[in-house]
Amino acid sequence: MISKELDIVLDKFKKELLTATQHVLIKQGVDEDSELVKSLKYVYDGDFFKLIAYDYYFWVSKGRKIGAKKVPVEDLIAWIKDKGIITTNINSTAFAIQRAIYKNGIKAKNYEDSVVDVSIDLISEEIAEQLSEIIVDDLVDAIEN
């Protein structure tokens, strides 16, 4: 029974975490209908919740220093498609963007910092809620017995 209850709690938390992560991106200017926001999901591996998203999420979040390792063209192609950029040759456009990022860098959006802050708040609230339910159940059992 505990395993089933734990699964329910973890699933609820995963959904809340996803919603919070989507709101963080939207608040920072990402279109709520974008494929990036839609691509977000969390998986629980038994120890940690892991964020799954398009690869360019991590590139944009971390930013790129001038002259740093080049952003993979595949990630840029996904970004171009997500943004709905019309181009006659998507590969040429992706390579041009790659060169521009290599030459000029891009400022970090730091999505992870905001997501971690929100996650800590959610975890604190969830733990408090679960503990209060356990305490109430134990008090009811103690009073009834």
C-alpha atoms as a PDB file:
ATOM      1  CA  MET A   1       0.000   0.000   0.000  1.00  0.00           C
ATOM      2  CA  ILE A   2       2.818   2.406   0.834  1.00  0.00           C
ATOM      3  CA  SER A   3       4.370   1.861  -2.594  1.00  0.00           C
ATOM      4  CA  LYS A   4       1.121   2.791  -4.332  1.00  0.00           C
ATOM      5  CA  GLU A   5       0.706   5.879  -2.137  1.00  0.00           C
ATOM      6  CA  LEU A   6       4.301   6.867  -2.818  1.00  0.00           C
ATOM      7  CA  ASP A   7       3.747   6.475  -6.564  1.00  0.00           C
ATOM      8  CA  ILE A   8       0.707   8.762  -6.332  1.00  0.00           C
ATOM      9  CA  VAL A   9       2.692  11.389  -4.408  1.00  0.00           C
ATOM     10  CA  LEU A  10       5.635  11.180  -6.826  1.00  0.00           C
ATOM     11  CA  ASP A  11       3.338  11.453  -9.844  1.00  0.00           C
ATOM     12  CA  LYS A  12       1.578  14.486  -8.340  1.00  0.00           C
ATOM     13  CA  PHE A  13       4.919  16.107  -7.568  1.00  0.00           C
ATOM     14  CA  LYS A  14       6.207  15.366 -11.084  1.00  0.00           C
ATOM     15  CA  LYS A  15       3.175  17.135 -12.575  1.00  0.00           C
ATOM     16  CA  GLU A  16       3.590  20.141 -10.255  1.00  0.00           C
ATOM     17  CA  LEU A  17       7.283  20.329 -11.085  1.00  0.00           C
ATOM     18  CA  LEU A  18       6.529  20.226 -14.818  1.00  0.00           C
ATOM     19  CA  THR A  19       3.953  23.011 -14.511  1.00  0.00           C
ATOM     20  CA  ALA A  20       6.370  25.125 -12.469  1.00  0.00           C
ATOM     21  CA  THR A  21       9.183  24.564 -14.986  1.00  0.00           C
ATOM     22  CA  GLN A  22       6.926  25.556 -17.875  1.00  0.00           C
ATOM     23  CA  HIS A  23       5.920  28.725 -16.010  1.00  0.00           C
ATOM     24  CA  VAL A  24       9.584  29.604 -15.400  1.00  0.00           C
ATOM     25  CA  LEU A  25      10.321  29.420 -19.130  1.00  0.00           C
ATOM     26  CA  ILE A  26       7.194  31.353 -20.078  1.00  0.00           C
ATOM     27  CA  LYS A  27       8.023  34.029 -17.496  1.00  0.00           C
ATOM     28  CA  GLN A  28      11.466  34.356 -19.079  1.00  0.00           C
ATOM     29  CA  GLY A  29      10.015  34.962 -22.532  1.00  0.00           C
ATOM     30  CA  VAL A  30       9.562  31.512 -24.074  1.00  0.00           C
ATOM     31  CA  ASP A  31       6.253  31.252 -25.962  1.00  0.00           C
ATOM     32  CA  GLU A  32       3.874  28.985 -24.049  1.00  0.00           C
ATOM     33  CA  ASP A  33       2.892  27.244 -27.300  1.00  0.00           C
ATOM     34  CA  SER A  34       6.503  26.590 -28.314  1.00  0.00           C
ATOM     35  CA  GLU A  35       7.767  23.098 -28.929  1.00  0.00           C
ATOM     36  CA  LEU A  36      10.374  23.738 -26.227  1.00  0.00           C
ATOM     37  CA  VAL A  37       7.717  24.168 -23.547  1.00  0.00           C
ATOM     38  CA  LYS A  38       5.779  21.212 -24.939  1.00  0.00           C
ATOM     39  CA  SER A  39       8.922  19.045 -24.980  1.00  0.00           C
ATOM     40  CA  LEU A  40       9.499  19.348 -21.241  1.00  0.00           C
ATOM     41  CA  LYS A  41       8.867  16.327 -19.073  1.00  0.00           C
ATOM     42  CA  TYR A  42      10.245  14.812 -15.908  1.00  0.00           C
ATOM     43  CA  VAL A  43      11.144  11.220 -15.228  1.00  0.00           C
ATOM     44  CA  TYR A  44      11.855   9.730 -11.823  1.00  0.00           C
ATOM     45  CA  ASP A  45      14.636   7.154 -11.829  1.00  0.00           C
ATOM     46  CA  GLY A  46      14.178   5.983  -8.243  1.00  0.00           C
ATOM     47  CA  ASP A  47      16.573   8.582  -6.848  1.00  0.00           C
ATOM     48  CA  PHE A  48      16.137  11.793  -8.807  1.00  0.00           C
ATOM     49  CA  PHE A  49      13.694  13.685 -10.983  1.00  0.00           C
ATOM     50  CA  LYS A  50      15.385  14.327 -14.313  1.00  0.00           C
ATOM     51  CA  LEU A  51      14.293  16.971 -16.782  1.00  0.00           C
ATOM     52  CA  ILE A  52      13.923  15.808 -20.364  1.00  0.00           C
ATOM     53  CA  ALA A  53      13.769  18.560 -22.999  1.00  0.00           C
ATOM     54  CA  TYR A  54      14.994  19.459 -26.437  1.00  0.00           C
ATOM     55  CA  ASP A  55      18.781  19.692 -26.382  1.00  0.00           C
ATOM     56  CA  TYR A  56      18.736  23.397 -27.205  1.00  0.00           C
ATOM     57  CA  TYR A  57      17.054  24.051 -23.822  1.00  0.00           C
ATOM     58  CA  PHE A  58      20.388  23.392 -22.148  1.00  0.00           C
ATOM     59  CA  TRP A  59      22.380  25.447 -24.682  1.00  0.00           C
ATOM     60  CA  VAL A  60      20.128  28.483 -24.271  1.00  0.00           C
ATOM     61  CA  SER A  61      19.980  28.100 -20.510  1.00  0.00           C
ATOM     62  CA  LYS A  62      23.739  27.899 -20.058  1.00  0.00           C
ATOM     63  CA  GLY A  63      24.623  30.383 -22.794  1.00  0.00           C
ATOM     64  CA  ARG A  64      27.765  30.218 -24.881  1.00  0.00           C
ATOM     65  CA  LYS A  65      31.022  32.085 -24.493  1.00  0.00           C
ATOM     66  CA  ILE A  66      32.654  33.602 -27.553  1.00  0.00           C
ATOM     67  CA  GLY A  67      34.799  30.968 -29.253  1.00  0.00           C
ATOM     68  CA  ALA A  68      33.437  28.117 -27.128  1.00  0.00           C
ATOM     69  CA  LYS A  69      32.711  24.695 -28.569  1.00  0.00           C
ATOM     70  CA  LYS A  70      30.194  25.032 -31.387  1.00  0.00           C
ATOM     71  CA  VAL A  71      26.525  24.333 -30.755  1.00  0.00           C
ATOM     72  CA  PRO A  72      25.477  21.127 -32.549  1.00  0.00           C
ATOM     73  CA  VAL A  73      23.718  21.889 -35.840  1.00  0.00           C
ATOM     74  CA  GLU A  74      21.002  19.316 -35.021  1.00  0.00           C
ATOM     75  CA  ASP A  75      20.021  21.336 -31.935  1.00  0.00           C
ATOM     76  CA  LEU A  76      19.883  24.505 -34.009  1.00  0.00           C
ATOM     77  CA  ILE A  77      17.700  22.824 -36.618  1.00  0.00           C
ATOM     78  CA  ALA A  78      15.264  21.814 -33.841  1.00  0.00           C
ATOM     79  CA  TRP A  79      15.310  25.413 -32.588  1.00  0.00           C
ATOM     80  CA  ILE A  80      14.675  26.814 -36.086  1.00  0.00           C
ATOM     81  CA  LYS A  81      11.712  24.476 -36.515  1.00  0.00           C
ATOM     82  CA  ASP A  82      10.391  25.335 -33.056  1.00  0.00           C
ATOM     83  CA  LYS A  83      10.550  29.054 -33.797  1.00  0.00           C
ATOM     84  CA  GLY A  84       8.802  28.552 -37.129  1.00  0.00           C
ATOM     85  CA  ILE A  85      11.612  30.305 -38.979  1.00  0.00           C
ATOM     86  CA  ILE A  86      11.006  30.146 -42.715  1.00  0.00           C
ATOM     87  CA  THR A  87      14.144  29.412 -44.692  1.00  0.00           C
ATOM     88  CA  THR A  88      14.965  28.054 -48.108  1.00  0.00           C
ATOM     89  CA  ASN A  89      17.751  25.883 -46.688  1.00  0.00           C
ATOM     90  CA  ILE A  90      17.462  24.934 -43.027  1.00  0.00           C
ATOM     91  CA  ASN A  91      20.973  23.446 -42.913  1.00  0.00           C
ATOM     92  CA  SER A  92      22.601  26.641 -44.234  1.00  0.00           C
ATOM     93  CA  THR A  93      20.589  28.694 -41.768  1.00  0.00           C
ATOM     94  CA  ALA A  94      21.627  26.422 -38.902  1.00  0.00           C
ATOM     95  CA  PHE A  95      25.304  26.662 -39.882  1.00  0.00           C
ATOM     96  CA  ALA A  96      25.041  30.461 -40.121  1.00  0.00           C
ATOM     97  CA  ILE A  97      23.520  30.610 -36.639  1.00  0.00           C
ATOM     98  CA  GLN A  98      26.197  28.241 -35.369  1.00  0.00           C
ATOM     99  CA  ARG A  99      28.939  30.548 -36.730  1.00  0.00           C
ATOM    100  CA  ALA A 100      27.257  33.622 -35.252  1.00  0.00           C
ATOM    101  CA  ILE A 101      27.009  32.003 -31.821  1.00  0.00           C
ATOM    102  CA  TYR A 102      30.640  30.868 -32.055  1.00  0.00           C
ATOM    103  CA  LYS A 103      31.720  34.387 -33.030  1.00  0.00           C
ATOM    104  CA  ASN A 104      29.458  36.403 -30.685  1.00  0.00           C
ATOM    105  CA  GLY A 105      28.350  33.973 -27.980  1.00  0.00           C
ATOM    106  CA  ILE A 106      24.897  34.086 -26.417  1.00  0.00           C
ATOM    107  CA  LYS A 107      23.823  35.328 -23.027  1.00  0.00           C
ATOM    108  CA  ALA A 108      22.725  32.605 -20.602  1.00  0.00           C
ATOM    109  CA  LYS A 109      19.037  32.486 -19.682  1.00  0.00           C
ATOM    110  CA  ASN A 110      19.813  30.454 -16.527  1.00  0.00           C
ATOM    111  CA  TYR A 111      16.591  28.468 -16.596  1.00  0.00           C
ATOM    112  CA  GLU A 112      18.094  25.884 -14.233  1.00  0.00           C
ATOM    113  CA  ASP A 113      18.638  28.404 -11.436  1.00  0.00           C
ATOM    114  CA  SER A 114      14.989  29.434 -11.517  1.00  0.00           C
ATOM    115  CA  VAL A 115      13.805  25.843 -11.860  1.00  0.00           C
ATOM    116  CA  VAL A 116      15.912  24.768  -8.872  1.00  0.00           C
ATOM    117  CA  ASP A 117      14.482  27.615  -6.775  1.00  0.00           C
ATOM    118  CA  VAL A 118      10.929  26.636  -7.705  1.00  0.00           C
ATOM    119  CA  SER A 119      11.724  22.948  -7.128  1.00  0.00           C
ATOM    120  CA  ILE A 120      13.003  23.620  -3.622  1.00  0.00           C
ATOM    121  CA  ASP A 121       9.806  25.511  -2.815  1.00  0.00           C
ATOM    122  CA  LEU A 122       7.658  22.703  -4.227  1.00  0.00           C
ATOM    123  CA  ILE A 123       9.601  20.016  -2.362  1.00  0.00           C
ATOM    124  CA  SER A 124       9.281  21.953   0.908  1.00  0.00           C
ATOM    125  CA  GLU A 125       5.529  22.368   0.419  1.00  0.00           C
ATOM    126  CA  GLU A 126       5.053  18.723  -0.549  1.00  0.00           C
ATOM    127  CA  ILE A 127       7.051  17.437   2.429  1.00  0.00           C
ATOM    128  CA  ALA A 128       5.126  19.715   4.805  1.00  0.00           C
ATOM    129  CA  GLU A 129       1.804  18.535   3.329  1.00  0.00           C
ATOM    130  CA  GLN A 130       2.737  14.861   3.522  1.00  0.00           C
ATOM    131  CA  LEU A 131       4.084  15.174   7.071  1.00  0.00           C
ATOM    132  CA  SER A 132       0.943  16.979   8.219  1.00  0.00           C
ATOM    133  CA  GLU A 133      -1.216  14.203   6.740  1.00  0.00           C
ATOM    134  CA  ILE A 134       0.864  11.540   8.503  1.00  0.00           C
ATOM    135  CA  ILE A 135       0.681  13.418  11.811  1.00  0.00           C
ATOM    136  CA  VAL A 136      -3.089  13.865  11.524  1.00  0.00           C
ATOM    137  CA  ASP A 137      -3.573  10.192  10.658  1.00  0.00           C
ATOM    138  CA  ASP A 138      -1.393   9.147  13.615  1.00  0.00           C
ATOM    139  CA  LEU A 139      -3.286  11.485  15.958  1.00  0.00           C
ATOM    140  CA  VAL A 140      -6.634  10.113  14.792  1.00  0.00           C
ATOM    141  CA  ASP A 141      -5.372   6.544  15.288  1.00  0.00           C
ATOM    142  CA  ALA A 142      -4.053   7.417  18.767  1.00  0.00           C
ATOM    143  CA  ILE A 143      -7.334   9.062  19.813  1.00  0.00           C
ATOM    144  CA  GLU A 144      -9.455   6.209  18.447  1.00  0.00           C
ATOM    145  CA  ASN A 145      -7.357   3.557  20.164  1.00  0.00           C
END
